[in-house]
N, C-alpha and C. Protein backbone atom coordinates (compact mmCIF):
# COMPACT_ATOMS: atom_id res chain seq x y z
N UNK A 1 3.69 7.83 11.33
CA UNK A 1 2.78 7.16 12.26
C UNK A 1 3.11 5.67 12.20
N UNK A 2 3.25 5.09 13.29
CA UNK A 2 3.49 3.65 13.38
C UNK A 2 2.13 2.88 13.38
N UNK A 3 2.22 1.57 13.31
CA UNK A 3 0.97 0.79 13.32
C UNK A 3 0.26 0.90 14.66
N UNK A 4 1.02 0.96 15.74
CA UNK A 4 0.47 1.12 17.11
C UNK A 4 -0.27 2.48 17.20
N UNK A 5 0.35 3.52 16.67
CA UNK A 5 -0.23 4.87 16.73
C UNK A 5 -1.54 4.89 15.86
N UNK A 6 -1.46 4.20 14.71
CA UNK A 6 -2.62 4.16 13.81
C UNK A 6 -3.78 3.42 14.49
N UNK A 7 -3.47 2.31 15.15
CA UNK A 7 -4.53 1.57 15.90
C UNK A 7 -5.14 2.39 17.00
N UNK A 8 -4.31 3.12 17.72
CA UNK A 8 -4.83 4.06 18.79
C UNK A 8 -5.77 5.10 18.19
N UNK A 9 -5.34 5.68 17.07
CA UNK A 9 -6.17 6.70 16.42
C UNK A 9 -7.49 6.12 15.93
N UNK A 10 -7.46 4.94 15.34
CA UNK A 10 -8.69 4.27 14.84
C UNK A 10 -9.61 4.00 16.01
N UNK A 11 -9.06 3.50 17.13
CA UNK A 11 -9.86 3.14 18.32
C UNK A 11 -10.53 4.43 18.90
N UNK A 12 -9.75 5.49 18.96
CA UNK A 12 -10.25 6.73 19.52
C UNK A 12 -11.31 7.39 18.64
N UNK A 13 -11.06 7.41 17.34
CA UNK A 13 -11.95 8.09 16.39
C UNK A 13 -13.25 7.31 16.24
N UNK A 14 -13.13 5.96 16.25
CA UNK A 14 -14.30 5.13 16.01
C UNK A 14 -15.02 4.69 17.30
N UNK A 15 -14.43 4.94 18.46
CA UNK A 15 -15.03 4.50 19.68
C UNK A 15 -14.92 3.01 19.90
N UNK A 16 -13.81 2.41 19.36
CA UNK A 16 -13.60 1.00 19.47
C UNK A 16 -12.54 0.69 20.50
N UNK A 17 -12.44 -0.54 20.90
CA UNK A 17 -11.30 -0.96 21.72
C UNK A 17 -10.09 -1.12 20.79
N UNK A 18 -8.93 -1.12 21.36
CA UNK A 18 -7.72 -1.26 20.56
C UNK A 18 -7.69 -2.65 19.88
N UNK A 19 -8.27 -3.66 20.57
CA UNK A 19 -8.35 -5.02 20.05
C UNK A 19 -9.25 -5.04 18.79
N UNK A 20 -10.43 -4.38 18.90
CA UNK A 20 -11.35 -4.40 17.78
C UNK A 20 -10.79 -3.56 16.61
N UNK A 21 -10.05 -2.47 16.95
CA UNK A 21 -9.45 -1.68 15.87
C UNK A 21 -8.37 -2.52 15.14
N UNK A 22 -7.64 -3.29 15.91
CA UNK A 22 -6.60 -4.15 15.29
C UNK A 22 -7.22 -5.20 14.40
N UNK A 23 -8.31 -5.80 14.84
CA UNK A 23 -9.01 -6.80 14.00
C UNK A 23 -9.50 -6.14 12.73
N UNK A 24 -10.06 -4.95 12.80
CA UNK A 24 -10.53 -4.28 11.61
C UNK A 24 -9.38 -3.90 10.64
N UNK A 25 -8.31 -3.40 11.18
CA UNK A 25 -7.19 -3.06 10.34
C UNK A 25 -6.56 -4.25 9.70
N UNK A 26 -6.42 -5.35 10.44
CA UNK A 26 -5.90 -6.59 9.87
C UNK A 26 -6.80 -7.14 8.78
N UNK A 27 -8.14 -7.04 8.97
CA UNK A 27 -9.06 -7.47 7.94
C UNK A 27 -8.93 -6.64 6.67
N UNK A 28 -8.79 -5.34 6.82
CA UNK A 28 -8.64 -4.46 5.66
C UNK A 28 -7.34 -4.76 4.93
N UNK A 29 -6.26 -4.83 5.64
CA UNK A 29 -4.96 -5.10 5.05
C UNK A 29 -4.93 -6.50 4.40
N UNK A 30 -5.49 -7.48 5.06
CA UNK A 30 -5.58 -8.83 4.49
C UNK A 30 -6.39 -8.91 3.19
N UNK A 31 -7.51 -8.20 3.21
CA UNK A 31 -8.35 -8.20 2.03
C UNK A 31 -7.66 -7.49 0.87
N UNK A 32 -7.06 -6.37 1.09
CA UNK A 32 -6.31 -5.65 0.06
C UNK A 32 -5.23 -6.52 -0.50
N UNK A 33 -4.42 -7.13 0.40
CA UNK A 33 -3.33 -8.00 0.02
C UNK A 33 -3.80 -9.18 -0.81
N UNK A 34 -4.84 -9.84 -0.41
CA UNK A 34 -5.37 -11.02 -1.14
C UNK A 34 -5.90 -10.62 -2.52
N UNK A 35 -6.55 -9.49 -2.59
CA UNK A 35 -7.09 -8.97 -3.88
C UNK A 35 -5.93 -8.63 -4.81
N UNK A 36 -4.94 -7.96 -4.33
CA UNK A 36 -3.77 -7.62 -5.17
C UNK A 36 -3.04 -8.88 -5.61
N UNK A 37 -2.94 -9.90 -4.74
CA UNK A 37 -2.26 -11.13 -5.09
C UNK A 37 -2.98 -11.82 -6.27
N UNK A 38 -4.27 -11.63 -6.42
CA UNK A 38 -5.05 -12.15 -7.54
C UNK A 38 -4.91 -11.29 -8.77
N UNK A 39 -4.24 -10.19 -8.68
CA UNK A 39 -3.99 -9.29 -9.81
C UNK A 39 -5.19 -8.35 -10.06
N UNK A 40 -6.04 -8.24 -9.06
CA UNK A 40 -7.18 -7.32 -9.15
C UNK A 40 -6.90 -5.96 -8.52
N UNK A 41 -7.71 -5.01 -8.80
CA UNK A 41 -7.55 -3.61 -8.33
C UNK A 41 -8.50 -3.39 -7.14
N UNK A 42 -8.05 -2.58 -6.16
CA UNK A 42 -8.90 -2.20 -5.02
C UNK A 42 -9.07 -0.68 -5.07
N UNK A 43 -10.33 -0.22 -5.21
CA UNK A 43 -10.55 1.20 -5.24
C UNK A 43 -11.42 1.62 -4.02
N UNK A 44 -11.02 2.68 -3.31
CA UNK A 44 -11.73 3.21 -2.20
C UNK A 44 -12.08 4.65 -2.51
N UNK A 45 -13.36 4.94 -2.76
CA UNK A 45 -13.76 6.23 -3.16
C UNK A 45 -13.35 7.32 -2.16
N UNK A 46 -12.77 8.40 -2.70
CA UNK A 46 -12.34 9.46 -1.87
C UNK A 46 -10.98 9.29 -1.27
N UNK A 47 -10.40 8.10 -1.40
CA UNK A 47 -9.08 7.83 -0.82
C UNK A 47 -8.07 7.50 -1.94
N UNK A 48 -8.33 6.49 -2.72
CA UNK A 48 -7.41 6.12 -3.77
C UNK A 48 -7.58 4.70 -4.20
N UNK A 49 -6.65 4.20 -5.00
CA UNK A 49 -6.76 2.82 -5.49
C UNK A 49 -5.42 2.15 -5.41
N UNK A 50 -5.44 0.90 -5.15
CA UNK A 50 -4.28 -0.04 -5.08
C UNK A 50 -4.38 -0.93 -6.33
N UNK A 51 -3.23 -1.15 -6.97
CA UNK A 51 -3.22 -2.02 -8.14
C UNK A 51 -1.81 -2.67 -8.23
N UNK A 52 -1.70 -3.70 -9.07
CA UNK A 52 -0.45 -4.34 -9.38
C UNK A 52 0.00 -3.83 -10.69
N UNK A 53 1.27 -3.45 -10.74
CA UNK A 53 1.88 -2.99 -12.00
C UNK A 53 3.03 -3.89 -12.37
N UNK A 54 3.25 -4.10 -13.63
CA UNK A 54 4.37 -4.88 -14.15
C UNK A 54 5.56 -4.05 -14.34
N UNK A 55 6.69 -4.36 -13.73
CA UNK A 55 7.93 -3.63 -13.90
C UNK A 55 8.79 -4.43 -14.89
N UNK A 56 9.21 -3.84 -15.98
CA UNK A 56 9.99 -4.52 -17.00
C UNK A 56 11.42 -4.90 -16.48
N UNK A 57 11.95 -5.92 -17.11
CA UNK A 57 13.31 -6.31 -16.85
C UNK A 57 14.28 -5.25 -17.34
N UNK A 58 15.41 -5.12 -16.68
CA UNK A 58 16.43 -4.12 -17.05
C UNK A 58 17.77 -4.54 -16.66
N UNK A 59 18.78 -3.95 -17.37
CA UNK A 59 20.15 -4.13 -17.00
C UNK A 59 20.60 -2.95 -16.19
N UNK A 60 21.38 -3.20 -15.16
CA UNK A 60 21.82 -2.13 -14.23
C UNK A 60 23.23 -2.39 -13.85
N UNK A 61 23.75 -1.51 -12.98
CA UNK A 61 25.14 -1.61 -12.50
C UNK A 61 25.09 -1.69 -10.97
N UNK A 62 25.78 -2.68 -10.43
CA UNK A 62 25.96 -2.75 -9.01
C UNK A 62 26.86 -1.62 -8.58
N UNK A 63 26.35 -0.69 -7.73
CA UNK A 63 27.20 0.45 -7.36
C UNK A 63 28.50 0.11 -6.54
N UNK A 64 28.47 -1.05 -5.85
CA UNK A 64 29.64 -1.40 -5.08
C UNK A 64 30.74 -2.03 -5.88
N UNK A 65 30.32 -2.92 -6.80
CA UNK A 65 31.35 -3.64 -7.62
C UNK A 65 31.50 -3.09 -9.01
N UNK A 66 30.58 -2.24 -9.45
CA UNK A 66 30.56 -1.66 -10.79
C UNK A 66 30.34 -2.72 -11.89
N UNK A 67 29.89 -3.92 -11.52
CA UNK A 67 29.60 -4.94 -12.49
C UNK A 67 28.19 -4.80 -12.97
N UNK A 68 27.95 -5.22 -14.24
CA UNK A 68 26.61 -5.17 -14.80
C UNK A 68 25.82 -6.32 -14.24
N UNK A 69 24.59 -6.02 -13.91
CA UNK A 69 23.66 -7.07 -13.43
C UNK A 69 22.35 -6.93 -14.15
N UNK A 70 21.66 -8.08 -14.23
CA UNK A 70 20.30 -8.13 -14.89
C UNK A 70 19.24 -8.17 -13.80
N UNK A 71 18.32 -7.31 -13.85
CA UNK A 71 17.21 -7.32 -12.90
C UNK A 71 16.00 -7.85 -13.65
N UNK A 72 15.41 -8.91 -13.15
CA UNK A 72 14.29 -9.59 -13.82
C UNK A 72 13.03 -8.75 -13.71
N UNK A 73 12.10 -9.00 -14.66
CA UNK A 73 10.77 -8.37 -14.58
C UNK A 73 10.08 -8.83 -13.31
N UNK A 74 9.21 -7.95 -12.81
CA UNK A 74 8.46 -8.37 -11.55
C UNK A 74 7.18 -7.47 -11.46
N UNK A 75 6.30 -7.99 -10.65
CA UNK A 75 5.10 -7.29 -10.34
C UNK A 75 5.28 -6.48 -9.06
N UNK A 76 4.77 -5.28 -9.00
CA UNK A 76 4.94 -4.44 -7.80
C UNK A 76 3.57 -3.81 -7.44
N UNK A 77 3.30 -3.66 -6.15
CA UNK A 77 2.07 -3.00 -5.73
C UNK A 77 2.25 -1.51 -5.94
N UNK A 78 1.13 -0.83 -6.30
CA UNK A 78 1.16 0.61 -6.52
C UNK A 78 -0.12 1.27 -5.91
N UNK A 79 0.03 2.48 -5.47
CA UNK A 79 -1.08 3.27 -4.92
C UNK A 79 -1.25 4.54 -5.64
N UNK A 80 -2.46 4.86 -6.06
CA UNK A 80 -2.76 6.15 -6.72
C UNK A 80 -3.75 6.89 -5.84
N UNK A 81 -3.32 8.04 -5.31
CA UNK A 81 -4.24 8.78 -4.44
C UNK A 81 -5.43 9.31 -5.21
N UNK A 82 -6.57 9.32 -4.60
CA UNK A 82 -7.81 9.88 -5.16
C UNK A 82 -7.85 11.39 -5.07
N UNK A 83 -8.72 11.98 -5.80
CA UNK A 83 -8.87 13.43 -5.86
C UNK A 83 -9.07 14.06 -4.44
N UNK A 84 -9.99 13.47 -3.70
CA UNK A 84 -10.31 14.05 -2.34
C UNK A 84 -9.10 13.98 -1.46
N UNK A 85 -8.32 12.90 -1.49
CA UNK A 85 -7.13 12.78 -0.65
C UNK A 85 -6.07 13.85 -1.11
N UNK A 86 -5.91 13.98 -2.38
CA UNK A 86 -4.97 14.96 -2.91
C UNK A 86 -5.35 16.37 -2.43
N UNK A 87 -6.61 16.69 -2.49
CA UNK A 87 -7.09 18.02 -2.07
C UNK A 87 -6.81 18.28 -0.60
N UNK A 88 -7.06 17.31 0.28
CA UNK A 88 -6.84 17.43 1.69
C UNK A 88 -5.33 17.60 1.98
N UNK A 89 -4.50 16.89 1.29
CA UNK A 89 -3.08 16.96 1.52
C UNK A 89 -2.48 18.28 1.05
N UNK A 90 -3.10 18.86 -0.02
CA UNK A 90 -2.55 20.05 -0.57
C UNK A 90 -3.09 21.33 0.07
N UNK A 91 -3.89 21.24 1.11
CA UNK A 91 -4.43 22.44 1.81
C UNK A 91 -3.36 23.03 2.72
């Protein structure tokens, strides 16, 4: 599903205009992004939680050149599905 298709589905399901659905989606995405940027967790009951995880530094090999490279430690966003979402998907 693309963003445009998601906006259409939100508008149809909620009885909103596509413009209002876009505003709502952008507000949700912006809020989640800002919260994760602060290093905080976002939990949505019945859906799941978003959090920032620390990925350790590691040495790897460039598959094209076969040279060893060092990959620095970094923070990455992660999503963990909630129980209700897992149950719906597994039906």
